[in-house]
Amino acid sequence: MLRKLPLLACTALFMTAGPAFAHVGVGPVDTFSHGFMHPLTGIDHVLAMVAVGLFAANLGGAALWLVPSAFVGTMIFGGALGYYGWPLPMVEEGIGASVVVMGLAIALGVRLPTIAAMALVGLFALFHGHAHGSEGIGIGVSFLPYAAGFVGATALLHITGIALGLSLDRLGETPAAIMKKCAGVAGAIAGVSILAGWLAT
């Protein structure tokens, strides 16, 4: 019975909390600077996109650039779906889940084949892209600079995660592993807080 208490506690918490919606009334969506700043000012986007870069750095090899590229490419596709009004269920929950899953993947040192890692981050990228694209419904061609901005910021956050991972590796295997586990756990906890509505995004 005692082993089931953490699961029961988490279930109760999720049933009593509502998700935080980060993409309602985001403000202007018609300039490059607005698009560039939006991912940088949302903790959910920052954590998820840095985590993708760190995850790619952990995998190494071709995954170092293929995994972030898969995220950016699929995010653009998701953005187009959102912009043209194609529905995607549970977008905010998908974004929150991306923070949890990527955090756990880093904390546990998960090593997926490159194609599987690309598919995983691509799934989450759909939600991130759809959220951004939905912000531009009805504003026409002026949305393109905004879209270019959030794509650029996303790439920058991925590069930051890669640089962080490669820098930690220089500390040695054990210190790097400890710091990555701490970062992953912190990210996963933040993701849970986002999903539960405790952390404003």
N, C-alpha and C. Protein backbone atom coordinates (compact mmCIF):
# COMPACT_ATOMS: atom_id res chain seq x y z
N MET A 1 0.82 -1.21 0.00
CA MET A 1 0.00 0.00 0.00
C MET A 1 0.86 1.26 0.00
N LEU A 2 1.95 1.22 0.80
CA LEU A 2 2.81 2.40 0.89
C LEU A 2 3.44 2.74 -0.45
N ARG A 3 3.70 1.73 -1.28
CA ARG A 3 4.30 1.98 -2.58
C ARG A 3 3.35 2.73 -3.50
N LYS A 4 2.05 2.63 -3.24
CA LYS A 4 1.06 3.27 -4.10
C LYS A 4 0.78 4.71 -3.69
N LEU A 5 1.26 5.13 -2.51
CA LEU A 5 0.96 6.47 -2.02
C LEU A 5 1.45 7.59 -2.94
N PRO A 6 2.71 7.53 -3.46
CA PRO A 6 3.14 8.61 -4.36
C PRO A 6 2.25 8.73 -5.60
N LEU A 7 1.87 7.57 -6.17
CA LEU A 7 1.01 7.59 -7.35
C LEU A 7 -0.36 8.18 -7.02
N LEU A 8 -0.93 7.78 -5.88
CA LEU A 8 -2.23 8.32 -5.47
C LEU A 8 -2.15 9.82 -5.20
N ALA A 9 -1.06 10.25 -4.59
CA ALA A 9 -0.90 11.67 -4.29
C ALA A 9 -0.81 12.49 -5.57
N CYS A 10 -0.03 12.01 -6.53
CA CYS A 10 0.09 12.72 -7.81
C CYS A 10 -1.25 12.78 -8.53
N THR A 11 -1.98 11.66 -8.50
CA THR A 11 -3.29 11.62 -9.15
C THR A 11 -4.23 12.65 -8.53
N ALA A 12 -4.23 12.71 -7.21
CA ALA A 12 -5.10 13.68 -6.51
C ALA A 12 -4.73 15.11 -6.85
N LEU A 13 -3.43 15.38 -6.92
CA LEU A 13 -2.98 16.74 -7.24
C LEU A 13 -3.41 17.16 -8.64
N PHE A 14 -3.27 16.25 -9.60
CA PHE A 14 -3.65 16.58 -10.98
C PHE A 14 -5.16 16.76 -11.12
N MET A 15 -5.92 16.06 -10.28
CA MET A 15 -7.37 16.19 -10.37
C MET A 15 -7.87 17.50 -9.78
N THR A 16 -7.06 18.09 -8.89
CA THR A 16 -7.50 19.32 -8.23
C THR A 16 -6.90 20.57 -8.84
N ALA A 17 -6.00 20.42 -9.78
CA ALA A 17 -5.32 21.59 -10.37
C ALA A 17 -5.68 21.71 -11.84
N GLY A 18 -5.66 22.95 -12.33
CA GLY A 18 -5.92 23.20 -13.74
C GLY A 18 -4.66 23.64 -14.45
N PRO A 19 -4.56 23.39 -15.74
CA PRO A 19 -3.36 23.76 -16.47
C PRO A 19 -3.23 25.26 -16.63
N ALA A 20 -1.99 25.71 -16.74
CA ALA A 20 -1.74 27.13 -17.00
C ALA A 20 -1.70 27.34 -18.50
N PHE A 21 -2.50 28.24 -19.01
CA PHE A 21 -2.55 28.46 -20.45
C PHE A 21 -1.65 29.64 -20.82
N ALA A 22 -0.60 29.31 -21.55
CA ALA A 22 0.44 30.30 -21.83
C ALA A 22 0.19 31.09 -23.10
N HIS A 23 -0.80 30.71 -23.91
CA HIS A 23 -0.92 31.32 -25.23
C HIS A 23 -2.27 31.97 -25.45
N VAL A 24 -2.76 32.58 -24.41
CA VAL A 24 -4.01 33.33 -24.53
C VAL A 24 -3.68 34.80 -24.35
N GLY A 25 -3.98 35.61 -25.37
CA GLY A 25 -3.71 37.05 -25.27
C GLY A 25 -2.24 37.36 -25.18
N VAL A 26 -1.46 36.82 -26.11
CA VAL A 26 -0.01 36.98 -26.04
C VAL A 26 0.47 38.36 -26.46
N GLY A 27 -0.39 39.18 -27.00
CA GLY A 27 0.02 40.50 -27.44
C GLY A 27 0.31 40.53 -28.93
N PRO A 28 1.09 41.52 -29.39
CA PRO A 28 1.35 41.67 -30.83
C PRO A 28 2.04 40.45 -31.42
N VAL A 29 1.63 40.07 -32.61
CA VAL A 29 2.24 38.92 -33.29
C VAL A 29 2.55 39.28 -34.74
N ASP A 30 3.09 40.49 -34.95
CA ASP A 30 3.29 40.93 -36.33
C ASP A 30 4.71 41.42 -36.61
N THR A 31 5.66 41.18 -35.69
CA THR A 31 7.04 41.59 -35.96
C THR A 31 8.00 40.47 -35.59
N PHE A 32 9.19 40.53 -36.18
CA PHE A 32 10.22 39.54 -35.88
C PHE A 32 10.58 39.58 -34.40
N SER A 33 10.72 40.77 -33.85
CA SER A 33 11.15 40.88 -32.44
C SER A 33 10.12 40.28 -31.49
N HIS A 34 8.82 40.48 -31.78
CA HIS A 34 7.79 39.86 -30.94
C HIS A 34 7.89 38.34 -31.01
N GLY A 35 8.07 37.81 -32.22
CA GLY A 35 8.20 36.37 -32.39
C GLY A 35 9.44 35.83 -31.72
N PHE A 36 10.54 36.57 -31.80
CA PHE A 36 11.80 36.12 -31.22
C PHE A 36 11.72 36.11 -29.70
N MET A 37 11.06 37.11 -29.13
CA MET A 37 11.00 37.21 -27.68
C MET A 37 10.01 36.25 -27.05
N HIS A 38 8.98 35.84 -27.80
CA HIS A 38 7.93 35.02 -27.17
C HIS A 38 8.46 33.71 -26.57
N PRO A 39 9.24 32.91 -27.31
CA PRO A 39 9.76 31.68 -26.69
C PRO A 39 10.72 31.96 -25.53
N LEU A 40 11.40 33.11 -25.59
CA LEU A 40 12.39 33.43 -24.56
C LEU A 40 11.75 33.92 -23.27
N THR A 41 10.48 34.29 -23.33
CA THR A 41 9.81 34.81 -22.14
C THR A 41 8.79 33.82 -21.57
N GLY A 42 8.73 32.63 -22.14
CA GLY A 42 7.84 31.59 -21.61
C GLY A 42 8.68 30.46 -21.05
N ILE A 43 8.57 30.22 -19.73
CA ILE A 43 9.41 29.21 -19.09
C ILE A 43 9.20 27.83 -19.69
N ASP A 44 7.97 27.55 -20.15
CA ASP A 44 7.70 26.24 -20.75
C ASP A 44 8.51 26.04 -22.03
N HIS A 45 8.55 27.07 -22.88
CA HIS A 45 9.31 26.98 -24.13
C HIS A 45 10.81 26.92 -23.85
N VAL A 46 11.29 27.76 -22.96
CA VAL A 46 12.73 27.79 -22.66
C VAL A 46 13.20 26.43 -22.17
N LEU A 47 12.48 25.87 -21.19
CA LEU A 47 12.89 24.59 -20.63
C LEU A 47 12.86 23.47 -21.67
N ALA A 48 11.77 23.42 -22.44
CA ALA A 48 11.64 22.34 -23.43
C ALA A 48 12.71 22.43 -24.51
N MET A 49 12.96 23.63 -25.00
CA MET A 49 13.87 23.77 -26.14
C MET A 49 15.34 23.65 -25.74
N VAL A 50 15.68 24.13 -24.55
CA VAL A 50 17.04 23.90 -24.05
C VAL A 50 17.23 22.41 -23.78
N ALA A 51 16.19 21.76 -23.25
CA ALA A 51 16.27 20.33 -22.96
C ALA A 51 16.48 19.52 -24.24
N VAL A 52 15.85 19.92 -25.33
CA VAL A 52 16.06 19.22 -26.60
C VAL A 52 17.53 19.30 -27.01
N GLY A 53 18.13 20.48 -26.87
CA GLY A 53 19.55 20.64 -27.20
C GLY A 53 20.44 19.80 -26.30
N LEU A 54 20.14 19.79 -25.00
CA LEU A 54 20.93 19.01 -24.05
C LEU A 54 20.77 17.51 -24.32
N PHE A 55 19.56 17.09 -24.65
CA PHE A 55 19.29 15.70 -25.00
C PHE A 55 20.09 15.31 -26.24
N ALA A 56 20.11 16.18 -27.24
CA ALA A 56 20.87 15.91 -28.46
C ALA A 56 22.36 15.81 -28.16
N ALA A 57 22.85 16.67 -27.28
CA ALA A 57 24.27 16.62 -26.91
C ALA A 57 24.60 15.31 -26.22
N ASN A 58 23.68 14.81 -25.40
CA ASN A 58 23.90 13.53 -24.72
C ASN A 58 23.98 12.38 -25.72
N LEU A 59 23.18 12.45 -26.77
CA LEU A 59 23.17 11.39 -27.77
C LEU A 59 24.43 11.45 -28.65
N GLY A 60 24.86 12.67 -28.98
CA GLY A 60 26.07 12.84 -29.77
C GLY A 60 25.92 12.40 -31.21
N GLY A 61 27.01 12.41 -31.93
CA GLY A 61 27.03 12.00 -33.32
C GLY A 61 26.10 12.84 -34.17
N ALA A 62 25.44 12.20 -35.13
CA ALA A 62 24.54 12.92 -36.03
C ALA A 62 23.33 13.48 -35.30
N ALA A 63 22.98 12.86 -34.15
CA ALA A 63 21.83 13.33 -33.37
C ALA A 63 22.04 14.76 -32.89
N LEU A 64 23.29 15.17 -32.80
CA LEU A 64 23.61 16.51 -32.31
C LEU A 64 22.91 17.59 -33.13
N TRP A 65 22.78 17.35 -34.44
CA TRP A 65 22.09 18.33 -35.28
C TRP A 65 20.76 17.81 -35.83
N LEU A 66 20.61 16.48 -35.96
CA LEU A 66 19.37 15.94 -36.50
C LEU A 66 18.19 16.11 -35.54
N VAL A 67 18.43 15.91 -34.25
CA VAL A 67 17.34 16.01 -33.28
C VAL A 67 16.81 17.44 -33.17
N PRO A 68 17.66 18.46 -32.98
CA PRO A 68 17.12 19.83 -32.99
C PRO A 68 16.49 20.21 -34.32
N SER A 69 17.07 19.74 -35.41
CA SER A 69 16.49 20.06 -36.73
C SER A 69 15.10 19.46 -36.87
N ALA A 70 14.92 18.25 -36.33
CA ALA A 70 13.59 17.61 -36.37
C ALA A 70 12.59 18.44 -35.58
N PHE A 71 13.02 18.98 -34.45
CA PHE A 71 12.12 19.82 -33.65
C PHE A 71 11.73 21.06 -34.43
N VAL A 72 12.73 21.76 -34.97
CA VAL A 72 12.43 23.02 -35.68
C VAL A 72 11.54 22.75 -36.90
N GLY A 73 11.87 21.72 -37.67
CA GLY A 73 11.09 21.42 -38.86
C GLY A 73 9.65 21.06 -38.54
N THR A 74 9.46 20.22 -37.53
CA THR A 74 8.10 19.82 -37.16
C THR A 74 7.36 20.97 -36.51
N MET A 75 8.08 21.83 -35.80
CA MET A 75 7.44 23.00 -35.20
C MET A 75 6.88 23.92 -36.29
N ILE A 76 7.61 24.07 -37.37
CA ILE A 76 7.13 24.90 -38.48
C ILE A 76 5.85 24.29 -39.05
N PHE A 77 5.84 22.97 -39.22
CA PHE A 77 4.63 22.28 -39.70
C PHE A 77 3.48 22.48 -38.73
N GLY A 78 3.74 22.32 -37.43
CA GLY A 78 2.70 22.54 -36.42
C GLY A 78 2.21 23.98 -36.42
N GLY A 79 3.14 24.91 -36.66
CA GLY A 79 2.77 26.32 -36.73
C GLY A 79 1.82 26.59 -37.89
N ALA A 80 2.07 25.94 -39.03
CA ALA A 80 1.19 26.09 -40.18
C ALA A 80 -0.20 25.53 -39.88
N LEU A 81 -0.25 24.39 -39.19
CA LEU A 81 -1.54 23.81 -38.80
C LEU A 81 -2.32 24.78 -37.91
N GLY A 82 -1.63 25.36 -36.95
CA GLY A 82 -2.29 26.30 -36.05
C GLY A 82 -2.73 27.56 -36.76
N TYR A 83 -1.89 28.07 -37.64
CA TYR A 83 -2.20 29.31 -38.36
C TYR A 83 -3.43 29.14 -39.25
N TYR A 84 -3.55 27.97 -39.86
CA TYR A 84 -4.68 27.73 -40.76
C TYR A 84 -5.90 27.13 -40.05
N GLY A 85 -5.83 27.08 -38.74
CA GLY A 85 -6.99 26.69 -37.95
C GLY A 85 -7.25 25.20 -37.83
N TRP A 86 -6.28 24.36 -38.18
CA TRP A 86 -6.46 22.93 -38.00
C TRP A 86 -6.37 22.61 -36.51
N PRO A 87 -7.35 21.92 -35.97
CA PRO A 87 -7.36 21.67 -34.52
C PRO A 87 -6.32 20.63 -34.11
N LEU A 88 -5.78 20.81 -32.93
CA LEU A 88 -4.88 19.84 -32.32
C LEU A 88 -5.26 19.78 -30.85
N PRO A 89 -5.70 18.64 -30.36
CA PRO A 89 -6.18 18.57 -28.97
C PRO A 89 -5.05 18.69 -27.95
N MET A 90 -5.40 19.25 -26.81
CA MET A 90 -4.53 19.29 -25.64
C MET A 90 -3.16 19.91 -25.92
N VAL A 91 -3.17 21.06 -26.59
CA VAL A 91 -1.91 21.71 -26.95
C VAL A 91 -1.12 22.12 -25.71
N GLU A 92 -1.77 22.81 -24.78
CA GLU A 92 -1.06 23.27 -23.59
C GLU A 92 -0.55 22.10 -22.76
N GLU A 93 -1.36 21.06 -22.66
CA GLU A 93 -0.93 19.87 -21.93
C GLU A 93 0.26 19.20 -22.63
N GLY A 94 0.25 19.20 -23.96
CA GLY A 94 1.37 18.64 -24.72
C GLY A 94 2.65 19.41 -24.49
N ILE A 95 2.53 20.72 -24.40
CA ILE A 95 3.71 21.56 -24.12
C ILE A 95 4.25 21.26 -22.72
N GLY A 96 3.36 21.20 -21.74
CA GLY A 96 3.79 20.86 -20.38
C GLY A 96 4.42 19.48 -20.31
N ALA A 97 3.81 18.52 -21.01
CA ALA A 97 4.35 17.16 -21.02
C ALA A 97 5.73 17.11 -21.65
N SER A 98 5.96 17.98 -22.64
CA SER A 98 7.28 18.00 -23.29
C SER A 98 8.37 18.36 -22.29
N VAL A 99 8.06 19.27 -21.37
CA VAL A 99 9.04 19.67 -20.35
C VAL A 99 9.31 18.50 -19.40
N VAL A 100 8.25 17.81 -18.99
CA VAL A 100 8.40 16.67 -18.08
C VAL A 100 9.20 15.55 -18.73
N VAL A 101 8.79 15.15 -19.93
CA VAL A 101 9.42 14.00 -20.59
C VAL A 101 10.88 14.29 -20.94
N MET A 102 11.15 15.48 -21.47
CA MET A 102 12.54 15.78 -21.83
C MET A 102 13.41 15.89 -20.58
N GLY A 103 12.84 16.44 -19.52
CA GLY A 103 13.58 16.51 -18.25
C GLY A 103 13.93 15.12 -17.74
N LEU A 104 12.95 14.21 -17.77
CA LEU A 104 13.19 12.84 -17.32
C LEU A 104 14.19 12.12 -18.22
N ALA A 105 14.10 12.37 -19.52
CA ALA A 105 15.04 11.73 -20.45
C ALA A 105 16.48 12.13 -20.13
N ILE A 106 16.66 13.39 -19.77
CA ILE A 106 18.01 13.87 -19.41
C ILE A 106 18.42 13.31 -18.06
N ALA A 107 17.52 13.36 -17.08
CA ALA A 107 17.84 12.88 -15.73
C ALA A 107 18.20 11.40 -15.72
N LEU A 108 17.50 10.62 -16.53
CA LEU A 108 17.71 9.17 -16.56
C LEU A 108 18.78 8.74 -17.56
N GLY A 109 19.30 9.69 -18.32
CA GLY A 109 20.33 9.36 -19.30
C GLY A 109 19.82 8.47 -20.42
N VAL A 110 18.57 8.70 -20.83
CA VAL A 110 17.97 7.88 -21.89
C VAL A 110 18.73 8.08 -23.20
N ARG A 111 19.05 6.96 -23.84
CA ARG A 111 19.79 7.01 -25.11
C ARG A 111 18.97 6.29 -26.18
N LEU A 112 18.19 7.04 -26.90
CA LEU A 112 17.37 6.49 -27.97
C LEU A 112 18.15 6.46 -29.28
N PRO A 113 17.79 5.56 -30.20
CA PRO A 113 18.32 5.68 -31.56
C PRO A 113 17.94 7.04 -32.14
N THR A 114 18.76 7.56 -33.00
CA THR A 114 18.55 8.92 -33.51
C THR A 114 17.16 9.12 -34.10
N ILE A 115 16.68 8.16 -34.87
CA ILE A 115 15.37 8.30 -35.51
C ILE A 115 14.26 8.34 -34.47
N ALA A 116 14.40 7.54 -33.40
CA ALA A 116 13.40 7.55 -32.33
C ALA A 116 13.44 8.87 -31.57
N ALA A 117 14.64 9.39 -31.35
CA ALA A 117 14.77 10.68 -30.66
C ALA A 117 14.15 11.80 -31.50
N MET A 118 14.36 11.73 -32.81
CA MET A 118 13.76 12.73 -33.71
C MET A 118 12.24 12.66 -33.66
N ALA A 119 11.71 11.44 -33.63
CA ALA A 119 10.25 11.27 -33.57
C ALA A 119 9.70 11.81 -32.26
N LEU A 120 10.40 11.56 -31.17
CA LEU A 120 9.95 12.03 -29.85
C LEU A 120 9.89 13.55 -29.79
N VAL A 121 10.99 14.20 -30.18
CA VAL A 121 10.99 15.67 -30.10
C VAL A 121 10.06 16.26 -31.14
N GLY A 122 9.90 15.57 -32.28
CA GLY A 122 8.98 16.04 -33.31
C GLY A 122 7.55 16.05 -32.82
N LEU A 123 7.17 15.04 -32.05
CA LEU A 123 5.82 15.00 -31.48
C LEU A 123 5.57 16.23 -30.63
N PHE A 124 6.51 16.54 -29.76
CA PHE A 124 6.34 17.70 -28.88
C PHE A 124 6.41 19.01 -29.66
N ALA A 125 7.21 19.01 -30.72
CA ALA A 125 7.33 20.22 -31.53
C ALA A 125 6.01 20.59 -32.18
N LEU A 126 5.19 19.60 -32.51
CA LEU A 126 3.86 19.88 -33.07
C LEU A 126 3.05 20.77 -32.15
N PHE A 127 3.08 20.46 -30.86
CA PHE A 127 2.31 21.24 -29.88
C PHE A 127 2.87 22.66 -29.75
N HIS A 128 4.20 22.77 -29.65
CA HIS A 128 4.81 24.10 -29.54
C HIS A 128 4.51 24.93 -30.78
N GLY A 129 4.66 24.32 -31.95
CA GLY A 129 4.40 25.04 -33.19
C GLY A 129 2.94 25.43 -33.34
N HIS A 130 2.05 24.53 -32.99
CA HIS A 130 0.61 24.81 -33.11
C HIS A 130 0.23 26.00 -32.23
N ALA A 131 0.79 26.03 -31.03
CA ALA A 131 0.49 27.15 -30.12
C ALA A 131 0.94 28.47 -30.73
N HIS A 132 2.14 28.50 -31.30
CA HIS A 132 2.63 29.73 -31.93
C HIS A 132 1.79 30.09 -33.15
N GLY A 133 1.51 29.11 -33.98
CA GLY A 133 0.75 29.37 -35.20
C GLY A 133 -0.66 29.88 -34.92
N SER A 134 -1.29 29.35 -33.88
CA SER A 134 -2.65 29.77 -33.53
C SER A 134 -2.71 31.24 -33.14
N GLU A 135 -1.59 31.77 -32.68
CA GLU A 135 -1.54 33.18 -32.29
C GLU A 135 -1.71 34.11 -33.48
N GLY A 136 -1.44 33.60 -34.70
CA GLY A 136 -1.45 34.47 -35.87
C GLY A 136 -2.67 34.32 -36.76
N ILE A 137 -3.67 33.56 -36.29
CA ILE A 137 -4.86 33.36 -37.12
C ILE A 137 -5.48 34.71 -37.47
N GLY A 138 -5.68 34.92 -38.77
CA GLY A 138 -6.41 36.10 -39.22
C GLY A 138 -5.58 37.34 -39.45
N ILE A 139 -4.25 37.30 -39.20
CA ILE A 139 -3.49 38.54 -39.37
C ILE A 139 -2.76 38.60 -40.71
N GLY A 140 -2.86 37.54 -41.52
CA GLY A 140 -2.32 37.58 -42.87
C GLY A 140 -0.81 37.49 -42.93
N VAL A 141 -0.24 38.09 -43.98
CA VAL A 141 1.18 37.93 -44.27
C VAL A 141 2.07 38.55 -43.21
N SER A 142 1.54 39.47 -42.41
CA SER A 142 2.35 40.09 -41.37
C SER A 142 2.75 39.09 -40.29
N PHE A 143 2.16 37.90 -40.31
CA PHE A 143 2.54 36.87 -39.34
C PHE A 143 3.89 36.26 -39.67
N LEU A 144 4.33 36.37 -40.93
CA LEU A 144 5.58 35.73 -41.34
C LEU A 144 6.80 36.21 -40.55
N PRO A 145 6.97 37.53 -40.34
CA PRO A 145 8.11 37.96 -39.53
C PRO A 145 8.06 37.40 -38.10
N TYR A 146 6.86 37.34 -37.53
CA TYR A 146 6.69 36.77 -36.19
C TYR A 146 7.11 35.30 -36.19
N ALA A 147 6.65 34.56 -37.22
CA ALA A 147 7.01 33.15 -37.33
C ALA A 147 8.52 32.97 -37.45
N ALA A 148 9.15 33.81 -38.27
CA ALA A 148 10.61 33.75 -38.42
C ALA A 148 11.29 34.01 -37.09
N GLY A 149 10.72 34.91 -36.30
CA GLY A 149 11.29 35.23 -34.99
C GLY A 149 11.25 34.06 -34.04
N PHE A 150 10.09 33.37 -33.95
CA PHE A 150 10.04 32.27 -32.99
C PHE A 150 10.84 31.06 -33.47
N VAL A 151 10.99 30.90 -34.78
CA VAL A 151 11.86 29.83 -35.29
C VAL A 151 13.32 30.13 -34.93
N GLY A 152 13.73 31.39 -35.11
CA GLY A 152 15.09 31.77 -34.77
C GLY A 152 15.39 31.60 -33.29
N ALA A 153 14.45 32.00 -32.44
CA ALA A 153 14.65 31.87 -31.00
C ALA A 153 14.72 30.41 -30.59
N THR A 154 13.90 29.58 -31.23
CA THR A 154 13.92 28.15 -30.93
C THR A 154 15.28 27.55 -31.25
N ALA A 155 15.81 27.88 -32.42
CA ALA A 155 17.13 27.38 -32.81
C ALA A 155 18.20 27.84 -31.82
N LEU A 156 18.09 29.09 -31.37
CA LEU A 156 19.06 29.62 -30.41
C LEU A 156 18.99 28.86 -29.09
N LEU A 157 17.77 28.54 -28.63
CA LEU A 157 17.62 27.78 -27.39
C LEU A 157 18.17 26.36 -27.53
N HIS A 158 17.98 25.76 -28.71
CA HIS A 158 18.56 24.44 -28.94
C HIS A 158 20.09 24.52 -28.87
N ILE A 159 20.66 25.53 -29.51
CA ILE A 159 22.12 25.70 -29.49
C ILE A 159 22.62 25.89 -28.07
N THR A 160 21.86 26.63 -27.27
CA THR A 160 22.22 26.84 -25.87
C THR A 160 22.26 25.51 -25.12
N GLY A 161 21.25 24.67 -25.35
CA GLY A 161 21.22 23.36 -24.71
C GLY A 161 22.39 22.48 -25.14
N ILE A 162 22.71 22.51 -26.43
CA ILE A 162 23.85 21.73 -26.94
C ILE A 162 25.15 22.22 -26.30
N ALA A 163 25.33 23.54 -26.26
CA ALA A 163 26.54 24.11 -25.66
C ALA A 163 26.65 23.75 -24.19
N LEU A 164 25.51 23.76 -23.49
CA LEU A 164 25.50 23.39 -22.07
C LEU A 164 25.93 21.93 -21.90
N GLY A 165 25.35 21.06 -22.72
CA GLY A 165 25.70 19.64 -22.63
C GLY A 165 27.17 19.38 -22.91
N LEU A 166 27.70 19.99 -23.96
CA LEU A 166 29.10 19.79 -24.31
C LEU A 166 30.03 20.39 -23.26
N SER A 167 29.62 21.51 -22.68
CA SER A 167 30.43 22.14 -21.61
C SER A 167 30.46 21.27 -20.36
N LEU A 168 29.32 20.69 -20.00
CA LEU A 168 29.28 19.81 -18.83
C LEU A 168 30.14 18.58 -19.02
N ASP A 169 30.18 18.06 -20.25
CA ASP A 169 30.99 16.87 -20.53
C ASP A 169 32.47 17.12 -20.27
N ARG A 170 32.89 18.36 -20.38
CA ARG A 170 34.31 18.68 -20.15
C ARG A 170 34.68 18.61 -18.67
N LEU A 171 33.69 18.58 -17.80
CA LEU A 171 33.96 18.50 -16.36
C LEU A 171 34.38 17.11 -15.91
N GLY A 172 34.16 16.14 -16.78
CA GLY A 172 34.42 14.75 -16.41
C GLY A 172 33.11 13.98 -16.34
N GLU A 173 33.21 12.66 -16.46
CA GLU A 173 32.01 11.83 -16.58
C GLU A 173 31.10 11.93 -15.36
N THR A 174 31.66 11.79 -14.17
CA THR A 174 30.82 11.78 -12.96
C THR A 174 30.20 13.15 -12.66
N PRO A 175 31.00 14.24 -12.63
CA PRO A 175 30.37 15.54 -12.38
C PRO A 175 29.33 15.91 -13.44
N ALA A 176 29.63 15.58 -14.69
CA ALA A 176 28.69 15.89 -15.77
C ALA A 176 27.38 15.12 -15.58
N ALA A 177 27.50 13.84 -15.24
CA ALA A 177 26.30 13.02 -15.04
C ALA A 177 25.45 13.55 -13.89
N ILE A 178 26.10 13.96 -12.80
CA ILE A 178 25.37 14.48 -11.64
C ILE A 178 24.64 15.77 -12.00
N MET A 179 25.35 16.67 -12.67
CA MET A 179 24.74 17.96 -13.01
C MET A 179 23.61 17.79 -14.01
N LYS A 180 23.76 16.87 -14.96
CA LYS A 180 22.69 16.61 -15.93
C LYS A 180 21.47 16.01 -15.25
N LYS A 181 21.70 15.10 -14.30
CA LYS A 181 20.58 14.52 -13.56
C LYS A 181 19.84 15.60 -12.78
N CYS A 182 20.59 16.48 -12.14
CA CYS A 182 19.97 17.58 -11.37
C CYS A 182 19.16 18.49 -12.29
N ALA A 183 19.74 18.83 -13.44
CA ALA A 183 19.04 19.69 -14.39
C ALA A 183 17.79 19.01 -14.91
N GLY A 184 17.89 17.71 -15.21
CA GLY A 184 16.74 16.98 -15.72
C GLY A 184 15.62 16.89 -14.70
N VAL A 185 15.98 16.59 -13.46
CA VAL A 185 14.97 16.50 -12.39
C VAL A 185 14.30 17.84 -12.18
N ALA A 186 15.10 18.91 -12.15
CA ALA A 186 14.54 20.26 -11.97
C ALA A 186 13.57 20.59 -13.11
N GLY A 187 13.95 20.23 -14.33
CA GLY A 187 13.08 20.48 -15.47
C GLY A 187 11.79 19.69 -15.39
N ALA A 188 11.90 18.42 -14.99
CA ALA A 188 10.70 17.58 -14.88
C ALA A 188 9.76 18.13 -13.80
N ILE A 189 10.32 18.57 -12.69
CA ILE A 189 9.49 19.15 -11.62
C ILE A 189 8.80 20.41 -12.11
N ALA A 190 9.55 21.23 -12.86
CA ALA A 190 8.95 22.45 -13.42
C ALA A 190 7.83 22.08 -14.38
N GLY A 191 8.03 21.03 -15.16
CA GLY A 191 6.99 20.59 -16.09
C GLY A 191 5.73 20.15 -15.38
N VAL A 192 5.89 19.41 -14.30
CA VAL A 192 4.74 18.99 -13.49
C VAL A 192 4.01 20.22 -12.96
N SER A 193 4.80 21.21 -12.50
CA SER A 193 4.21 22.44 -11.97
C SER A 193 3.45 23.20 -13.04
N ILE A 194 3.94 23.18 -14.27
CA ILE A 194 3.25 23.82 -15.38
C ILE A 194 1.93 23.10 -15.66
N LEU A 195 1.98 21.77 -15.72
CA LEU A 195 0.78 21.00 -15.99
C LEU A 195 -0.28 21.18 -14.91
N ALA A 196 0.19 21.30 -13.68
CA ALA A 196 -0.73 21.42 -12.55
C ALA A 196 -1.25 22.85 -12.38
N GLY A 197 -0.64 23.80 -13.09
CA GLY A 197 -1.08 25.19 -12.99
C GLY A 197 -0.44 25.95 -11.86
N TRP A 198 0.62 25.38 -11.26
CA TRP A 198 1.29 26.06 -10.16
C TRP A 198 2.33 27.05 -10.64
N LEU A 199 2.85 26.85 -11.84
CA LEU A 199 3.92 27.70 -12.37
C LEU A 199 3.38 28.47 -13.57
N ALA A 200 3.38 29.78 -13.45
CA ALA A 200 2.90 30.62 -14.54
C ALA A 200 3.87 30.57 -15.69
N THR A 201 3.31 30.47 -16.93
CA THR A 201 4.16 30.41 -18.11
C THR A 201 3.93 31.62 -18.99
